[in-house]
Amino acid sequence: MTSVRLSPSPALARHARDISSATQPAFHDALCRALNVMVAMLGLVVTAPLMAAIAVAIKLTSPGPILYTQTRIGLDRRARGQPAGNKRRSTDGG
């Protein structure tokens, strides 16, 4: 005896998904967002001392800066070390 496996059509599955999302209260989404923000903030607070310790260790063991920066070479081999919106942009007309 063979068994037949039935699955809903994609149109019915999409309709069921729309109904289930419409029945969830609006505060549920706000609660999920608040929980996500709180967990992210907790993660930042927990890892901040570790990041500070790493920064101090880098500063003590190497003569350079804590964060590495480099000069980017752009169009016509011009160096770009200044932030966007500088004087060159206004003189180039672009």
C-alpha atoms as a PDB file:
ATOM      1  CA  MET A   1       0.000   0.000   0.000  1.00  0.00           C
ATOM      2  CA  THR A   2       1.385   3.416  -0.942  1.00  0.00           C
ATOM      3  CA  SER A   3       0.848   6.515   1.067  1.00  0.00           C
ATOM      4  CA  VAL A   4      -0.036   9.841  -0.448  1.00  0.00           C
ATOM      5  CA  ARG A   5       1.487  12.940   1.061  1.00  0.00           C
ATOM      6  CA  LEU A   6      -0.647  16.038   0.775  1.00  0.00           C
ATOM      7  CA  SER A   7       0.720  19.533   1.077  1.00  0.00           C
ATOM      8  CA  PRO A   8      -1.178  22.802   0.939  1.00  0.00           C
ATOM      9  CA  SER A   9      -0.969  24.888  -2.166  1.00  0.00           C
ATOM     10  CA  PRO A  10       1.313  27.943  -2.043  1.00  0.00           C
ATOM     11  CA  ALA A  11      -1.700  30.258  -2.279  1.00  0.00           C
ATOM     12  CA  LEU A  12      -3.313  28.713   0.804  1.00  0.00           C
ATOM     13  CA  ALA A  13      -0.042  28.757   2.736  1.00  0.00           C
ATOM     14  CA  ARG A  14       0.468  32.459   1.934  1.00  0.00           C
ATOM     15  CA  HIS A  15      -3.110  33.243   2.992  1.00  0.00           C
ATOM     16  CA  ALA A  16      -2.655  31.372   6.281  1.00  0.00           C
ATOM     17  CA  ARG A  17       0.558  33.288   6.971  1.00  0.00           C
ATOM     18  CA  ASP A  18      -1.229  36.616   6.370  1.00  0.00           C
ATOM     19  CA  ILE A  19      -4.023  35.658   8.759  1.00  0.00           C
ATOM     20  CA  SER A  20      -1.632  34.579  11.518  1.00  0.00           C
ATOM     21  CA  SER A  21       0.380  37.799  11.313  1.00  0.00           C
ATOM     22  CA  ALA A  22      -2.785  39.907  11.367  1.00  0.00           C
ATOM     23  CA  THR A  23      -4.021  38.262  14.561  1.00  0.00           C
ATOM     24  CA  GLN A  24      -0.868  39.075  16.534  1.00  0.00           C
ATOM     25  CA  PRO A  25      -1.325  42.138  18.689  1.00  0.00           C
ATOM     26  CA  ALA A  26       0.633  45.253  17.791  1.00  0.00           C
ATOM     27  CA  PHE A  27       2.285  45.381  21.188  1.00  0.00           C
ATOM     28  CA  HIS A  28       3.890  41.996  20.499  1.00  0.00           C
ATOM     29  CA  ASP A  29       6.055  43.562  17.792  1.00  0.00           C
ATOM     30  CA  ALA A  30       6.919  46.476  20.068  1.00  0.00           C
ATOM     31  CA  LEU A  31       7.778  44.068  22.874  1.00  0.00           C
ATOM     32  CA  CYS A  32      10.068  42.059  20.591  1.00  0.00           C
ATOM     33  CA  ARG A  33      11.791  45.250  19.431  1.00  0.00           C
ATOM     34  CA  ALA A  34      12.280  46.430  23.019  1.00  0.00           C
ATOM     35  CA  LEU A  35      13.711  43.045  23.994  1.00  0.00           C
ATOM     36  CA  ASN A  36      16.124  43.135  21.048  1.00  0.00           C
ATOM     37  CA  VAL A  37      17.321  46.620  21.984  1.00  0.00           C
ATOM     38  CA  MET A  38      17.772  45.666  25.635  1.00  0.00           C
ATOM     39  CA  VAL A  39      19.781  42.538  24.781  1.00  0.00           C
ATOM     40  CA  ALA A  40      21.976  44.550  22.391  1.00  0.00           C
ATOM     41  CA  MET A  41      22.602  47.199  25.045  1.00  0.00           C
ATOM     42  CA  LEU A  42      23.437  44.535  27.602  1.00  0.00           C
ATOM     43  CA  GLY A  43      25.902  43.009  25.143  1.00  0.00           C
ATOM     44  CA  LEU A  44      27.589  46.370  24.648  1.00  0.00           C
ATOM     45  CA  VAL A  45      27.830  46.986  28.395  1.00  0.00           C
ATOM     46  CA  VAL A  46      29.276  43.524  28.996  1.00  0.00           C
ATOM     47  CA  THR A  47      31.871  43.750  26.199  1.00  0.00           C
ATOM     48  CA  ALA A  48      32.910  47.395  26.787  1.00  0.00           C
ATOM     49  CA  PRO A  49      35.472  46.556  29.527  1.00  0.00           C
ATOM     50  CA  LEU A  50      36.969  43.859  27.305  1.00  0.00           C
ATOM     51  CA  MET A  51      37.277  46.296  24.396  1.00  0.00           C
ATOM     52  CA  ALA A  52      38.863  48.889  26.691  1.00  0.00           C
ATOM     53  CA  ALA A  53      41.373  46.332  27.987  1.00  0.00           C
ATOM     54  CA  ILE A  54      42.299  45.350  24.434  1.00  0.00           C
ATOM     55  CA  ALA A  55      42.756  49.025  23.491  1.00  0.00           C
ATOM     56  CA  VAL A  56      45.059  49.599  26.478  1.00  0.00           C
ATOM     57  CA  ALA A  57      47.053  46.463  25.642  1.00  0.00           C
ATOM     58  CA  ILE A  58      47.504  47.628  22.040  1.00  0.00           C
ATOM     59  CA  LYS A  59      48.607  51.089  23.165  1.00  0.00           C
ATOM     60  CA  LEU A  60      51.122  49.664  25.653  1.00  0.00           C
ATOM     61  CA  THR A  61      52.663  47.141  23.247  1.00  0.00           C
ATOM     62  CA  SER A  62      52.852  49.145  20.011  1.00  0.00           C
ATOM     63  CA  PRO A  63      53.945  52.684  19.189  1.00  0.00           C
ATOM     64  CA  GLY A  64      51.136  53.358  16.717  1.00  0.00           C
ATOM     65  CA  PRO A  65      47.527  54.338  17.211  1.00  0.00           C
ATOM     66  CA  ILE A  66      44.880  51.979  18.576  1.00  0.00           C
ATOM     67  CA  LEU A  67      42.783  52.138  15.409  1.00  0.00           C
ATOM     68  CA  TYR A  68      44.552  51.791  12.066  1.00  0.00           C
ATOM     69  CA  THR A  69      43.791  54.307   9.337  1.00  0.00           C
ATOM     70  CA  GLN A  70      45.119  54.420   5.813  1.00  0.00           C
ATOM     71  CA  THR A  71      45.079  56.871   2.952  1.00  0.00           C
ATOM     72  CA  ARG A  72      42.838  55.740   0.107  1.00  0.00           C
ATOM     73  CA  ILE A  73      43.904  56.410  -3.467  1.00  0.00           C
ATOM     74  CA  GLY A  74      41.003  57.424  -5.687  1.00  0.00           C
ATOM     75  CA  LEU A  75      40.347  58.821  -9.129  1.00  0.00           C
ATOM     76  CA  ASP A  76      43.418  60.243 -10.883  1.00  0.00           C
ATOM     77  CA  ARG A  77      45.565  58.783  -8.069  1.00  0.00           C
ATOM     78  CA  ARG A  78      44.426  61.447  -5.613  1.00  0.00           C
ATOM     79  CA  ALA A  79      44.825  60.595  -1.962  1.00  0.00           C
ATOM     80  CA  ARG A  80      41.678  60.663   0.103  1.00  0.00           C
ATOM     81  CA  GLY A  81      42.427  61.152   3.751  1.00  0.00           C
ATOM     82  CA  GLN A  82      39.848  63.799   4.599  1.00  0.00           C
ATOM     83  CA  PRO A  83      36.172  63.224   5.320  1.00  0.00           C
ATOM     84  CA  ALA A  84      33.537  63.574   2.613  1.00  0.00           C
ATOM     85  CA  GLY A  85      32.320  67.075   1.891  1.00  0.00           C
ATOM     86  CA  ASN A  86      35.748  68.684   2.036  1.00  0.00           C
ATOM     87  CA  LYS A  87      36.997  71.632  -0.034  1.00  0.00           C
ATOM     88  CA  ARG A  88      38.174  69.464  -2.930  1.00  0.00           C
ATOM     89  CA  ARG A  89      34.621  68.361  -3.629  1.00  0.00           C
ATOM     90  CA  SER A  90      33.428  71.951  -3.990  1.00  0.00           C
ATOM     91  CA  THR A  91      36.350  72.895  -6.260  1.00  0.00           C
ATOM     92  CA  ASP A  92      35.965  69.786  -8.449  1.00  0.00           C
ATOM     93  CA  GLY A  93      32.296  70.553  -8.996  1.00  0.00           C
ATOM     94  CA  GLY A  94      31.285  67.021  -8.143  1.00  0.00           C
END
